[in-house]
N, C-alpha and C. Protein backbone atom coordinates (compact mmCIF):
# COMPACT_ATOMS: atom_id res chain seq x y z
N UNK A 1 0.85 -1.18 0.00
CA UNK A 1 0.00 0.00 0.00
C UNK A 1 0.90 1.23 0.00
N UNK A 2 0.64 2.11 -0.88
CA UNK A 2 1.44 3.33 -0.88
C UNK A 2 0.74 4.42 -0.07
N UNK A 3 1.40 5.53 0.05
CA UNK A 3 0.90 6.62 0.88
C UNK A 3 -0.46 7.12 0.41
N UNK A 4 -0.69 7.16 -0.86
CA UNK A 4 -1.96 7.64 -1.40
C UNK A 4 -3.08 6.71 -0.99
N UNK A 5 -2.82 5.42 -1.08
CA UNK A 5 -3.85 4.45 -0.68
C UNK A 5 -4.14 4.53 0.81
N UNK A 6 -3.06 4.69 1.59
CA UNK A 6 -3.23 4.79 3.06
C UNK A 6 -4.05 6.04 3.38
N UNK A 7 -3.69 7.17 2.78
CA UNK A 7 -4.44 8.40 3.03
C UNK A 7 -5.89 8.26 2.57
N UNK A 8 -6.12 7.66 1.43
CA UNK A 8 -7.48 7.44 0.94
C UNK A 8 -8.27 6.56 1.90
N UNK A 9 -7.61 5.50 2.39
CA UNK A 9 -8.26 4.61 3.34
C UNK A 9 -8.60 5.35 4.64
N UNK A 10 -7.66 6.15 5.12
CA UNK A 10 -7.89 6.93 6.36
C UNK A 10 -9.02 7.95 6.16
N UNK A 11 -9.06 8.58 5.01
CA UNK A 11 -10.13 9.55 4.73
C UNK A 11 -11.48 8.85 4.67
N UNK A 12 -11.48 7.63 4.09
CA UNK A 12 -12.72 6.86 4.03
C UNK A 12 -13.19 6.50 5.44
N UNK A 13 -12.27 6.06 6.28
CA UNK A 13 -12.62 5.71 7.68
C UNK A 13 -13.09 6.96 8.43
N UNK A 14 -12.41 8.08 8.23
CA UNK A 14 -12.82 9.34 8.89
C UNK A 14 -14.22 9.74 8.43
N UNK A 15 -14.49 9.56 7.15
CA UNK A 15 -15.81 9.90 6.60
C UNK A 15 -16.89 9.01 7.21
N UNK A 16 -16.58 7.71 7.32
CA UNK A 16 -17.53 6.78 7.94
C UNK A 16 -17.75 7.12 9.42
N UNK A 17 -16.67 7.50 10.10
CA UNK A 17 -16.77 7.88 11.51
C UNK A 17 -17.63 9.14 11.67
N UNK A 18 -17.43 10.10 10.78
CA UNK A 18 -18.23 11.32 10.83
C UNK A 18 -19.70 11.01 10.59
N UNK A 19 -19.96 10.09 9.68
CA UNK A 19 -21.33 9.67 9.42
C UNK A 19 -21.94 9.01 10.65
N UNK A 20 -21.18 8.15 11.31
CA UNK A 20 -21.66 7.51 12.55
C UNK A 20 -21.94 8.54 13.64
N UNK A 21 -21.06 9.52 13.77
CA UNK A 21 -21.25 10.58 14.77
C UNK A 21 -22.52 11.37 14.46
N UNK A 22 -22.72 11.69 13.18
CA UNK A 22 -23.92 12.43 12.78
C UNK A 22 -25.19 11.62 13.08
N UNK A 23 -25.15 10.32 12.77
CA UNK A 23 -26.30 9.47 13.05
C UNK A 23 -26.55 9.37 14.56
N UNK A 24 -25.47 9.24 15.32
CA UNK A 24 -25.61 9.17 16.78
C UNK A 24 -26.18 10.47 17.33
N UNK A 25 -25.73 11.60 16.80
CA UNK A 25 -26.24 12.90 17.24
C UNK A 25 -27.73 13.03 16.91
N UNK A 26 -28.11 12.59 15.71
CA UNK A 26 -29.52 12.63 15.32
C UNK A 26 -30.36 11.74 16.24
N UNK A 27 -29.86 10.56 16.54
CA UNK A 27 -30.57 9.66 17.46
C UNK A 27 -30.69 10.28 18.85
N UNK A 28 -29.60 10.87 19.32
CA UNK A 28 -29.63 11.53 20.64
C UNK A 28 -30.63 12.68 20.64
N UNK A 29 -30.64 13.47 19.57
CA UNK A 29 -31.60 14.57 19.47
C UNK A 29 -33.03 14.05 19.50
N UNK A 30 -33.29 12.96 18.77
CA UNK A 30 -34.63 12.38 18.77
C UNK A 30 -35.03 11.87 20.15
N UNK A 31 -34.10 11.25 20.83
CA UNK A 31 -34.39 10.74 22.17
C UNK A 31 -34.67 11.89 23.14
N UNK A 32 -33.87 12.95 23.02
CA UNK A 32 -34.09 14.12 23.88
C UNK A 32 -35.46 14.73 23.60
N UNK A 33 -35.82 14.87 22.33
CA UNK A 33 -37.13 15.43 21.98
C UNK A 33 -38.26 14.57 22.52
N UNK A 34 -38.12 13.26 22.39
CA UNK A 34 -39.15 12.34 22.89
C UNK A 34 -39.26 12.43 24.41
N UNK A 35 -38.12 12.49 25.09
CA UNK A 35 -38.13 12.62 26.55
C UNK A 35 -38.77 13.95 26.97
N UNK A 36 -38.44 15.02 26.26
CA UNK A 36 -39.05 16.32 26.55
C UNK A 36 -40.56 16.26 26.33
N UNK A 37 -40.98 15.60 25.28
CA UNK A 37 -42.41 15.46 24.98
C UNK A 37 -43.12 14.70 26.10
N UNK A 38 -42.50 13.59 26.53
CA UNK A 38 -43.09 12.80 27.62
C UNK A 38 -43.11 13.58 28.93
N UNK A 39 -42.03 14.28 29.21
CA UNK A 39 -41.97 15.08 30.44
C UNK A 39 -42.99 16.21 30.42
N UNK A 40 -43.19 16.83 29.26
CA UNK A 40 -44.18 17.91 29.14
C UNK A 40 -45.58 17.36 29.37
N UNK A 41 -45.86 16.19 28.79
CA UNK A 41 -47.18 15.58 28.98
C UNK A 41 -47.39 15.23 30.45
N UNK A 42 -46.38 14.69 31.10
CA UNK A 42 -46.47 14.35 32.52
C UNK A 42 -46.67 15.61 33.35
N UNK A 43 -45.89 16.65 33.04
CA UNK A 43 -46.03 17.92 33.77
C UNK A 43 -47.43 18.49 33.59
N UNK A 44 -47.91 18.51 32.35
CA UNK A 44 -49.24 19.05 32.09
C UNK A 44 -50.31 18.30 32.87
N UNK A 45 -50.21 16.98 32.91
CA UNK A 45 -51.18 16.17 33.65
C UNK A 45 -51.12 16.45 35.14
N UNK A 46 -49.93 16.49 35.69
CA UNK A 46 -49.78 16.80 37.12
C UNK A 46 -50.24 18.22 37.44
N UNK A 47 -49.91 19.15 36.55
CA UNK A 47 -50.32 20.54 36.76
C UNK A 47 -51.84 20.65 36.75
N UNK A 48 -52.47 19.99 35.79
CA UNK A 48 -53.93 20.02 35.70
C UNK A 48 -54.56 19.40 36.95
N UNK A 49 -54.03 18.26 37.38
CA UNK A 49 -54.57 17.58 38.56
C UNK A 49 -54.39 18.45 39.81
N UNK A 50 -53.22 19.02 39.97
CA UNK A 50 -52.97 19.84 41.16
C UNK A 50 -53.80 21.12 41.14
N UNK A 51 -53.92 21.76 39.98
CA UNK A 51 -54.71 22.98 39.92
C UNK A 51 -56.19 22.68 40.16
N UNK A 52 -56.65 21.53 39.67
CA UNK A 52 -58.03 21.13 39.92
C UNK A 52 -58.26 20.87 41.41
N UNK A 53 -57.30 20.21 42.04
CA UNK A 53 -57.39 19.95 43.49
C UNK A 53 -57.42 21.26 44.27
N UNK A 54 -56.52 22.18 43.91
CA UNK A 54 -56.48 23.46 44.61
C UNK A 54 -57.75 24.27 44.38
N UNK A 55 -58.28 24.23 43.16
CA UNK A 55 -59.52 24.94 42.86
C UNK A 55 -60.67 24.38 43.69
N UNK A 56 -60.75 23.05 43.80
CA UNK A 56 -61.80 22.43 44.61
C UNK A 56 -61.67 22.81 46.08
N UNK A 57 -60.44 22.80 46.59
CA UNK A 57 -60.21 23.20 47.99
C UNK A 57 -60.61 24.66 48.19
N UNK A 58 -60.25 25.51 47.23
CA UNK A 58 -60.61 26.93 47.32
C UNK A 58 -62.12 27.11 47.35
N UNK A 59 -62.81 26.43 46.43
CA UNK A 59 -64.27 26.57 46.38
C UNK A 59 -64.91 26.06 47.68
N UNK A 60 -64.39 24.98 48.23
CA UNK A 60 -64.92 24.45 49.48
C UNK A 60 -64.69 25.45 50.62
N UNK A 61 -63.48 25.99 50.67
CA UNK A 61 -63.15 26.97 51.70
C UNK A 61 -64.01 28.23 51.55
N UNK A 62 -64.20 28.66 50.32
CA UNK A 62 -65.02 29.85 50.06
C UNK A 62 -66.46 29.61 50.51
N UNK A 63 -66.98 28.43 50.23
CA UNK A 63 -68.36 28.10 50.64
C UNK A 63 -68.47 28.03 52.16
N UNK A 64 -67.48 27.47 52.83
CA UNK A 64 -67.49 27.42 54.29
C UNK A 64 -67.45 28.84 54.88
N UNK A 65 -66.63 29.70 54.30
CA UNK A 65 -66.55 31.08 54.78
C UNK A 65 -67.88 31.81 54.55
N UNK A 66 -68.51 31.55 53.40
CA UNK A 66 -69.80 32.18 53.11
C UNK A 66 -70.86 31.72 54.11
N UNK A 67 -70.88 30.41 54.40
CA UNK A 67 -71.85 29.89 55.36
C UNK A 67 -71.61 30.46 56.75
N UNK A 68 -70.34 30.51 57.17
CA UNK A 68 -70.01 31.05 58.49
C UNK A 68 -70.41 32.52 58.58
N UNK A 69 -70.13 33.28 57.53
CA UNK A 69 -70.51 34.69 57.49
C UNK A 69 -72.02 34.83 57.63
N UNK A 70 -72.76 34.01 56.87
CA UNK A 70 -74.23 34.10 56.92
C UNK A 70 -74.75 33.72 58.30
N UNK A 71 -74.16 32.69 58.93
CA UNK A 71 -74.57 32.30 60.28
C UNK A 71 -74.32 33.42 61.28
N UNK A 72 -73.13 34.03 61.19
CA UNK A 72 -72.80 35.13 62.12
C UNK A 72 -73.70 36.34 61.88
N UNK A 73 -73.99 36.63 60.63
CA UNK A 73 -74.88 37.75 60.30
C UNK A 73 -76.28 37.48 60.82
N UNK A 74 -76.75 36.25 60.64
CA UNK A 74 -78.08 35.88 61.16
C UNK A 74 -78.13 35.98 62.68
N UNK A 75 -77.09 35.51 63.35
CA UNK A 75 -77.03 35.58 64.82
C UNK A 75 -77.03 37.05 65.27
N UNK A 76 -76.25 37.87 64.60
CA UNK A 76 -76.21 39.29 64.95
C UNK A 76 -77.57 39.94 64.72
N UNK A 77 -78.19 39.60 63.61
CA UNK A 77 -79.51 40.17 63.29
C UNK A 77 -80.53 39.76 64.34
N UNK A 78 -80.51 38.49 64.74
CA UNK A 78 -81.43 38.02 65.80
C UNK A 78 -81.16 38.75 67.12
N UNK A 79 -79.89 38.87 67.45
CA UNK A 79 -79.52 39.55 68.69
C UNK A 79 -79.96 41.01 68.65
N UNK A 80 -79.71 41.66 67.55
CA UNK A 80 -80.06 43.07 67.41
C UNK A 80 -81.58 43.25 67.40
N UNK A 81 -82.29 42.33 66.77
CA UNK A 81 -83.75 42.43 66.70
C UNK A 81 -84.40 42.21 68.06
N UNK A 82 -83.73 41.48 68.94
CA UNK A 82 -84.32 41.19 70.24
C UNK A 82 -84.19 42.36 71.22
N UNK A 83 -83.39 43.34 70.87
CA UNK A 83 -83.22 44.50 71.76
C UNK A 83 -84.47 45.38 71.64
N UNK A 84 -85.05 45.71 72.78
CA UNK A 84 -86.23 46.57 72.81
C UNK A 84 -85.78 48.03 72.87
N UNK A 85 -86.35 48.82 72.02
CA UNK A 85 -86.02 50.24 72.00
C UNK A 85 -86.81 50.94 73.10
N UNK A 86 -86.12 51.66 73.94
CA UNK A 86 -86.77 52.43 75.01
C UNK A 86 -86.76 53.89 74.56
N UNK A 87 -87.80 54.28 73.83
CA UNK A 87 -87.85 55.63 73.27
C UNK A 87 -87.96 56.69 74.35
N UNK A 88 -88.55 56.33 75.46
CA UNK A 88 -88.67 57.31 76.56
C UNK A 88 -87.30 57.69 77.09
N UNK A 89 -86.47 56.71 77.37
CA UNK A 89 -85.13 56.99 77.89
C UNK A 89 -84.29 57.72 76.84
N UNK A 90 -84.45 57.33 75.56
CA UNK A 90 -83.70 57.97 74.49
C UNK A 90 -84.08 59.44 74.37
N UNK A 91 -85.37 59.72 74.43
CA UNK A 91 -85.84 61.10 74.35
C UNK A 91 -85.34 61.90 75.55
N UNK A 92 -85.37 61.28 76.74
CA UNK A 92 -84.87 61.97 77.94
C UNK A 92 -83.38 62.27 77.81
N UNK A 93 -82.63 61.34 77.29
CA UNK A 93 -81.20 61.57 77.11
C UNK A 93 -80.96 62.70 76.11
N UNK A 94 -81.70 62.70 75.02
CA UNK A 94 -81.55 63.78 74.04
C UNK A 94 -81.89 65.13 74.66
N UNK A 95 -82.98 65.17 75.41
CA UNK A 95 -83.36 66.42 76.06
C UNK A 95 -82.27 66.90 77.00
N UNK A 96 -81.68 65.98 77.77
CA UNK A 96 -80.61 66.32 78.71
C UNK A 96 -79.39 66.86 77.95
N UNK A 97 -79.01 66.18 76.86
CA UNK A 97 -77.84 66.59 76.10
C UNK A 97 -78.07 67.96 75.44
N UNK A 98 -79.27 68.18 74.92
CA UNK A 98 -79.58 69.47 74.31
C UNK A 98 -79.60 70.56 75.37
N UNK A 99 -80.13 70.24 76.53
CA UNK A 99 -80.19 71.23 77.60
C UNK A 99 -78.79 71.61 78.09
N UNK A 100 -77.87 70.66 78.12
CA UNK A 100 -76.49 70.95 78.54
C UNK A 100 -75.77 71.84 77.54
N UNK A 101 -76.13 71.73 76.29
CA UNK A 101 -75.50 72.53 75.25
C UNK A 101 -75.95 73.97 75.32
N UNK A 102 -77.15 74.20 75.78
CA UNK A 102 -77.68 75.55 75.85
C UNK A 102 -77.14 76.24 77.03
C-alpha cells in the first residue's frame, strides 16, 4: 500500500466515523425530543390535577366562609332584633344633652 492508498483509506474511515457521529447525534436529538415530549405531557397532567385539586379546595373553603358569614350575620340580626327600644329613655337623654348645650 502506498501513501496515497493509506491516506485514501484513512479519509474513508474518517468519513464513515463522521457519518456515525452524525447518526448518533440525530438519534440523541430524537431521544431528547421524545423525553421532553413525555416530560411535558407528565407535567401538564400533574399541573392540571394539582390545579383542579387546589380549585376544589378553594371553592370548598369559600363556601365554608360564606356559610359562616351568613350564620354570624343571622345571629347578629337576631340579637339586634331582640333589643327593645326604650324611646322614653332615648328622648330623655336627648333632652338632657340638648339642655347641657344651651
